[in-house]
C-alpha atoms as a PDB file:
ATOM      1  CA  MET A   1     -15.907  -3.608  19.155  1.00  0.00           C
ATOM      2  CA  THR A   2     -18.513  -4.757  22.226  1.00  0.00           C
ATOM      3  CA  GLU A   3     -20.577  -2.828  24.607  1.00  0.00           C
ATOM      4  CA  THR A   4     -18.870  -3.863  27.751  1.00  0.00           C
ATOM      5  CA  GLN A   5     -15.766  -2.877  25.771  1.00  0.00           C
ATOM      6  CA  ALA A   6     -17.115   0.566  24.616  1.00  0.00           C
ATOM      7  CA  SER A   7     -18.260   1.002  27.911  1.00  0.00           C
ATOM      8  CA  SER A   8     -15.118   0.074  29.680  1.00  0.00           C
ATOM      9  CA  ALA A   9     -13.086   2.574  27.307  1.00  0.00           C
ATOM     10  CA  PRO A  10     -12.013   5.710  28.688  1.00  0.00           C
ATOM     11  CA  LYS A  11     -13.849   8.682  27.958  1.00  0.00           C
ATOM     12  CA  LEU A  12     -11.274  11.514  26.123  1.00  0.00           C
ATOM     13  CA  ARG A  13     -11.095  15.174  25.636  1.00  0.00           C
ATOM     14  CA  GLU A  14      -8.625  16.858  23.398  1.00  0.00           C
ATOM     15  CA  LYS A  15      -6.671  19.757  25.020  1.00  0.00           C
ATOM     16  CA  GLY A  16      -4.720  20.638  22.204  1.00  0.00           C
ATOM     17  CA  ARG A  17      -2.869  20.311  19.260  1.00  0.00           C
ATOM     18  CA  ILE A  18       1.082  19.768  20.231  1.00  0.00           C
ATOM     19  CA  LEU A  19       2.277  19.576  16.347  1.00  0.00           C
ATOM     20  CA  SER A  20       0.543  20.604  12.886  1.00  0.00           C
ATOM     21  CA  ALA A  21       1.475  17.967  10.232  1.00  0.00           C
ATOM     22  CA  SER A  22       3.942  21.140   8.847  1.00  0.00           C
ATOM     23  CA  GLU A  23       5.184  20.812  12.086  1.00  0.00           C
ATOM     24  CA  ILE A  24       5.825  16.930  11.993  1.00  0.00           C
ATOM     25  CA  GLU A  25       7.968  17.780   8.756  1.00  0.00           C
ATOM     26  CA  ARG A  26      10.256  20.169   9.938  1.00  0.00           C
ATOM     27  CA  THR A  27      10.640  18.293  12.965  1.00  0.00           C
ATOM     28  CA  LEU A  28      11.470  15.423  11.369  1.00  0.00           C
ATOM     29  CA  VAL A  29      13.757  17.152   9.053  1.00  0.00           C
ATOM     30  CA  ARG A  30      16.024  18.797  11.961  1.00  0.00           C
ATOM     31  CA  LEU A  31      16.177  15.298  13.557  1.00  0.00           C
ATOM     32  CA  ALA A  32      17.158  13.762  10.310  1.00  0.00           C
ATOM     33  CA  HIS A  33      20.064  16.586  10.299  1.00  0.00           C
ATOM     34  CA  GLU A  34      21.008  16.308  14.363  1.00  0.00           C
ATOM     35  CA  ILE A  35      21.411  12.118  13.267  1.00  0.00           C
ATOM     36  CA  ILE A  36      23.738  12.828  10.389  1.00  0.00           C
ATOM     37  CA  GLU A  37      25.401  14.883  12.790  1.00  0.00           C
ATOM     38  CA  LYS A  38      25.711  12.681  15.644  1.00  0.00           C
ATOM     39  CA  ASN A  39      26.979  10.049  13.385  1.00  0.00           C
ATOM     40  CA  ASN A  40      29.150  11.948  10.968  1.00  0.00           C
ATOM     41  CA  GLY A  41      27.372  10.701   8.047  1.00  0.00           C
ATOM     42  CA  ALA A  42      25.181   7.538   6.975  1.00  0.00           C
ATOM     43  CA  GLU A  43      27.444   5.046   6.423  1.00  0.00           C
ATOM     44  CA  THR A  44      26.873   2.832   9.411  1.00  0.00           C
ATOM     45  CA  LEU A  45      23.186   3.853  10.248  1.00  0.00           C
ATOM     46  CA  GLY A  46      20.681   1.491  10.220  1.00  0.00           C
ATOM     47  CA  LEU A  47      17.174   2.729  11.977  1.00  0.00           C
ATOM     48  CA  VAL A  48      14.339   0.518  13.150  1.00  0.00           C
ATOM     49  CA  GLY A  49      10.755   1.707  13.849  1.00  0.00           C
ATOM     50  CA  VAL A  50       9.205   0.116  16.848  1.00  0.00           C
ATOM     51  CA  GLN A  51       5.724  -1.022  16.254  1.00  0.00           C
ATOM     52  CA  ARG A  52       3.554   0.815  15.270  1.00  0.00           C
ATOM     53  CA  ARG A  53       4.108   4.906  14.871  1.00  0.00           C
ATOM     54  CA  GLY A  54       7.646   4.151  15.298  1.00  0.00           C
ATOM     55  CA  VAL A  55       7.735   2.467  12.031  1.00  0.00           C
ATOM     56  CA  PRO A  56       6.448   5.090   9.438  1.00  0.00           C
ATOM     57  CA  LEU A  57       8.744   7.799  11.040  1.00  0.00           C
ATOM     58  CA  ALA A  58      11.967   5.614  11.102  1.00  0.00           C
ATOM     59  CA  LYS A  59      10.974   5.317   7.294  1.00  0.00           C
ATOM     60  CA  ARG A  60      10.376   8.731   6.906  1.00  0.00           C
ATOM     61  CA  LEU A  61      13.710   9.818   8.413  1.00  0.00           C
ATOM     62  CA  ALA A  62      15.269   7.033   6.220  1.00  0.00           C
ATOM     63  CA  SER A  63      14.388   8.768   3.079  1.00  0.00           C
ATOM     64  CA  LEU A  64      15.017  12.287   4.747  1.00  0.00           C
ATOM     65  CA  ILE A  65      18.546  11.091   5.509  1.00  0.00           C
ATOM     66  CA  SER A  66      19.433   9.214   2.349  1.00  0.00           C
ATOM     67  CA  GLY A  67      18.077  12.175   0.007  1.00  0.00           C
ATOM     68  CA  ILE A  68      20.897  14.340   1.988  1.00  0.00           C
ATOM     69  CA  GLU A  69      24.037  12.023   2.449  1.00  0.00           C
ATOM     70  CA  LYS A  70      23.461  10.792  -1.006  1.00  0.00           C
ATOM     71  CA  HIS A  71      23.903   6.976   0.766  1.00  0.00           C
ATOM     72  CA  PRO A  72      20.800   4.354   1.344  1.00  0.00           C
ATOM     73  CA  VAL A  73      19.911   4.186   5.116  1.00  0.00           C
ATOM     74  CA  ASP A  74      18.655   1.135   6.208  1.00  0.00           C
ATOM     75  CA  VAL A  75      15.458   0.526   8.064  1.00  0.00           C
ATOM     76  CA  GLY A  76      14.159  -2.214  10.451  1.00  0.00           C
ATOM     77  CA  VAL A  77      10.886  -3.393  12.010  1.00  0.00           C
ATOM     78  CA  LEU A  78      11.021  -4.110  15.844  1.00  0.00           C
ATOM     79  CA  ASP A  79       7.710  -6.427  17.109  1.00  0.00           C
ATOM     80  CA  ILE A  80       8.290  -5.648  21.092  1.00  0.00           C
ATOM     81  CA  SER A  81       5.004  -7.352  22.138  1.00  0.00           C
ATOM     82  CA  PHE A  82       6.628 -10.622  23.017  1.00  0.00           C
ATOM     83  CA  TYR A  83       9.470  -8.415  25.220  1.00  0.00           C
ATOM     84  CA  ARG A  84       6.537  -6.358  27.049  1.00  0.00           C
ATOM     85  CA  ASP A  85       6.698  -7.022  30.983  1.00  0.00           C
ATOM     86  CA  ASP A  86       2.925  -5.948  31.245  1.00  0.00           C
ATOM     87  CA  LEU A  87       1.399  -8.998  29.344  1.00  0.00           C
ATOM     88  CA  SER A  88      -0.150  -9.940  32.509  1.00  0.00           C
ATOM     89  CA  THR A  89      -1.911  -6.528  33.134  1.00  0.00           C
ATOM     90  CA  LYS A  90      -3.522  -6.262  29.095  1.00  0.00           C
ATOM     91  CA  ASP A  91      -6.647  -7.781  28.688  1.00  0.00           C
ATOM     92  CA  ILE A  92      -5.670  -9.212  24.967  1.00  0.00           C
ATOM     93  CA  ARG A  93      -2.775 -11.280  24.689  1.00  0.00           C
ATOM     94  CA  PRO A  94      -0.672  -9.768  21.528  1.00  0.00           C
ATOM     95  CA  VAL A  95       0.182 -11.873  18.969  1.00  0.00           C
ATOM     96  CA  VAL A  96       4.161 -12.551  18.864  1.00  0.00           C
ATOM     97  CA  ASN A  97       5.942 -12.225  15.932  1.00  0.00           C
ATOM     98  CA  HIS A  98       9.647 -13.182  15.626  1.00  0.00           C
ATOM     99  CA  GLY A  99      10.026 -11.990  12.301  1.00  0.00           C
ATOM    100  CA  ASN A 100      13.203 -10.939   9.996  1.00  0.00           C
ATOM    101  CA  LEU A 101      14.106  -6.771  11.750  1.00  0.00           C
ATOM    102  CA  GLY A 102      15.315  -6.233   8.406  1.00  0.00           C
ATOM    103  CA  PHE A 103      18.721  -5.938   8.630  1.00  0.00           C
ATOM    104  CA  ASP A 104      21.926  -7.017  10.014  1.00  0.00           C
ATOM    105  CA  VAL A 105      22.258  -4.954  13.174  1.00  0.00           C
ATOM    106  CA  ASN A 106      26.207  -6.430  14.215  1.00  0.00           C
ATOM    107  CA  GLY A 107      28.258  -3.260  14.180  1.00  0.00           C
ATOM    108  CA  ARG A 108      26.258  -0.621  13.290  1.00  0.00           C
ATOM    109  CA  ASP A 109      25.059   2.910  14.530  1.00  0.00           C
ATOM    110  CA  VAL A 110      21.410   2.033  15.499  1.00  0.00           C
ATOM    111  CA  VAL A 111      18.372   4.457  15.892  1.00  0.00           C
ATOM    112  CA  LEU A 112      15.351   3.186  17.271  1.00  0.00           C
ATOM    113  CA  VAL A 113      12.382   5.096  16.850  1.00  0.00           C
ATOM    114  CA  ASP A 114       9.696   5.619  18.606  1.00  0.00           C
ATOM    115  CA  ASP A 115       6.479   8.139  18.555  1.00  0.00           C
ATOM    116  CA  VAL A 116       6.384   8.989  22.269  1.00  0.00           C
ATOM    117  CA  LEU A 117       8.971   8.316  25.188  1.00  0.00           C
ATOM    118  CA  TYR A 118       6.870   7.761  28.702  1.00  0.00           C
ATOM    119  CA  THR A 119       7.884   5.079  31.338  1.00  0.00           C
ATOM    120  CA  GLY A 120      10.690   3.896  29.029  1.00  0.00           C
ATOM    121  CA  ARG A 121       9.013   0.215  28.833  1.00  0.00           C
ATOM    122  CA  THR A 122       8.582   0.217  25.956  1.00  0.00           C
ATOM    123  CA  ILE A 123      11.819   0.941  24.981  1.00  0.00           C
ATOM    124  CA  ARG A 124      13.825  -1.677  27.296  1.00  0.00           C
ATOM    125  CA  ALA A 125      11.391  -3.971  25.988  1.00  0.00           C
ATOM    126  CA  ALA A 126      12.994  -2.708  22.061  1.00  0.00           C
ATOM    127  CA  LEU A 127      16.433  -3.249  23.745  1.00  0.00           C
ATOM    128  CA  ASP A 128      15.670  -6.707  24.293  1.00  0.00           C
ATOM    129  CA  ALA A 129      14.080  -7.407  21.020  1.00  0.00           C
ATOM    130  CA  LEU A 130      16.868  -5.954  19.180  1.00  0.00           C
ATOM    131  CA  PHE A 131      19.826  -7.872  20.641  1.00  0.00           C
ATOM    132  CA  ASP A 132      18.476 -10.788  20.244  1.00  0.00           C
ATOM    133  CA  HIS A 133      18.647 -10.087  16.075  1.00  0.00           C
ATOM    134  CA  GLY A 134      22.421  -8.777  17.012  1.00  0.00           C
ATOM    135  CA  ARG A 135      25.108  -6.918  18.417  1.00  0.00           C
ATOM    136  CA  PRO A 136      25.195  -3.102  16.984  1.00  0.00           C
ATOM    137  CA  ARG A 137      27.728  -0.907  17.952  1.00  0.00           C
ATOM    138  CA  ARG A 138      25.749   1.791  19.463  1.00  0.00           C
ATOM    139  CA  VAL A 139      22.176   2.326  19.811  1.00  0.00           C
ATOM    140  CA  GLN A 140      20.509   5.373  20.124  1.00  0.00           C
ATOM    141  CA  LEU A 141      17.005   6.412  20.915  1.00  0.00           C
ATOM    142  CA  LEU A 142      14.776   8.649  19.003  1.00  0.00           C
ATOM    143  CA  THR A 143      11.007   9.768  19.459  1.00  0.00           C
ATOM    144  CA  LEU A 144       9.022  12.522  18.192  1.00  0.00           C
ATOM    145  CA  ILE A 145       7.316  13.481  21.656  1.00  0.00           C
ATOM    146  CA  ASP A 146       8.894  13.019  25.239  1.00  0.00           C
ATOM    147  CA  ARG A 147       6.780  13.429  28.063  1.00  0.00           C
ATOM    148  CA  GLY A 148       8.453  12.436  30.745  1.00  0.00           C
ATOM    149  CA  HIS A 149       7.337  10.630  34.144  1.00  0.00           C
ATOM    150  CA  ARG A 150       9.840   7.991  33.601  1.00  0.00           C
ATOM    151  CA  GLU A 151       9.922   4.661  35.490  1.00  0.00           C
ATOM    152  CA  LEU A 152      13.176   3.512  34.220  1.00  0.00           C
ATOM    153  CA  PRO A 153      16.588   5.204  33.373  1.00  0.00           C
ATOM    154  CA  ILE A 154      16.230   5.720  29.913  1.00  0.00           C
ATOM    155  CA  GLU A 155      16.899   8.929  28.108  1.00  0.00           C
ATOM    156  CA  ALA A 156      16.780   9.576  24.217  1.00  0.00           C
ATOM    157  CA  THR A 157      19.269  11.164  22.180  1.00  0.00           C
ATOM    158  CA  PHE A 158      17.371  12.570  19.484  1.00  0.00           C
ATOM    159  CA  VAL A 159      13.570  14.512  21.037  1.00  0.00           C
ATOM    160  CA  GLY A 160      11.313  16.468  18.271  1.00  0.00           C
ATOM    161  CA  ARG A 161       9.666  18.049  21.199  1.00  0.00           C
ATOM    162  CA  THR A 162       9.430  17.661  25.048  1.00  0.00           C
ATOM    163  CA  VAL A 163       6.044  18.073  26.457  1.00  0.00           C
ATOM    164  CA  GLN A 164       4.955  18.170  30.476  1.00  0.00           C
ATOM    165  CA  THR A 165       2.036  16.228  31.027  1.00  0.00           C
ATOM    166  CA  SER A 166      -0.275  14.987  34.072  1.00  0.00           C
ATOM    167  CA  SER A 167      -0.749  11.315  34.419  1.00  0.00           C
ATOM    168  CA  ARG A 168      -4.376  11.880  33.286  1.00  0.00           C
ATOM    169  CA  GLU A 169      -3.208  13.389  30.142  1.00  0.00           C
ATOM    170  CA  ILE A 170      -2.294  11.496  26.704  1.00  0.00           C
ATOM    171  CA  ILE A 171      -0.176  12.308  23.589  1.00  0.00           C
ATOM    172  CA  GLU A 172      -1.910  10.942  20.443  1.00  0.00           C
ATOM    173  CA  VAL A 173       0.394  10.558  17.487  1.00  0.00           C
ATOM    174  CA  LYS A 174      -1.569  10.385  14.481  1.00  0.00           C
ATOM    175  CA  LEU A 175       0.204   9.355  11.082  1.00  0.00           C
ATOM    176  CA  ARG A 176      -1.239   8.962   8.196  1.00  0.00           C
ATOM    177  CA  GLU A 177       0.137   5.606   7.164  1.00  0.00           C
ATOM    178  CA  ILE A 178      -1.606   4.775   9.976  1.00  0.00           C
ATOM    179  CA  ASP A 179      -4.492   6.998  10.605  1.00  0.00           C
ATOM    180  CA  ASN A 180      -5.184   8.873   7.981  1.00  0.00           C
ATOM    181  CA  ASP A 181      -4.491  12.201   9.610  1.00  0.00           C
ATOM    182  CA  GLU A 182      -1.344  13.831  10.489  1.00  0.00           C
ATOM    183  CA  GLN A 183      -0.960  15.494  14.085  1.00  0.00           C
ATOM    184  CA  VAL A 184      -0.287  14.962  17.816  1.00  0.00           C
ATOM    185  CA  LEU A 185      -2.915  15.929  20.039  1.00  0.00           C
ATOM    186  CA  ILE A 186      -2.875  15.802  24.198  1.00  0.00           C
ATOM    187  CA  VAL A 187      -6.270  14.564  25.353  1.00  0.00           C
ATOM    188  CA  GLU A 188      -6.979  14.261  29.340  1.00  0.00           C
ATOM    189  CA  ARG A 189      -9.270  11.240  30.374  1.00  0.00           C
ATOM    190  CA  VAL A 190     -12.467  12.354  31.365  1.00  0.00           C
ATOM    191  CA  ASP A 191     -14.028  10.695  34.219  1.00  0.00           C
END
């Protein structure tokens, strides 16, 4: 990181912890059961994690569901960088990866998995990317944290926790697979 980047990075102050590691695990177990119930099992189910933190969440959920249902659950990885509608507002252009999703989504019940639902723009981009891979029978959305502030009419089917936030606040999801830490924090921009 250059000195200019460091000085332009927003200063953040931790306000509190929303979920501990054990609370994340309990939440995922509950969500796995909800997915099974809503989909009448796991026969046609496929989970697709939205890069970055949606991927380990999808893998964990698939493992939990497979253990409960005694049926393997396909997990895919979705890179939505190319589909974002805010590319022109980003400082650095993302690397576009049109890789393989990981399984055939045609006719499947797909659960898109992301860590935080905020404006809905990430999920809109994820839907565009998903449909470039095929036509699922049904698409449902799972988010660990729903913080409101929608700009698009998008609602999650499965929600770990709903947290009311201000526009100055940020939800930080930390997962051991990416961050070597496991918790969900609420932080605030400090001027």
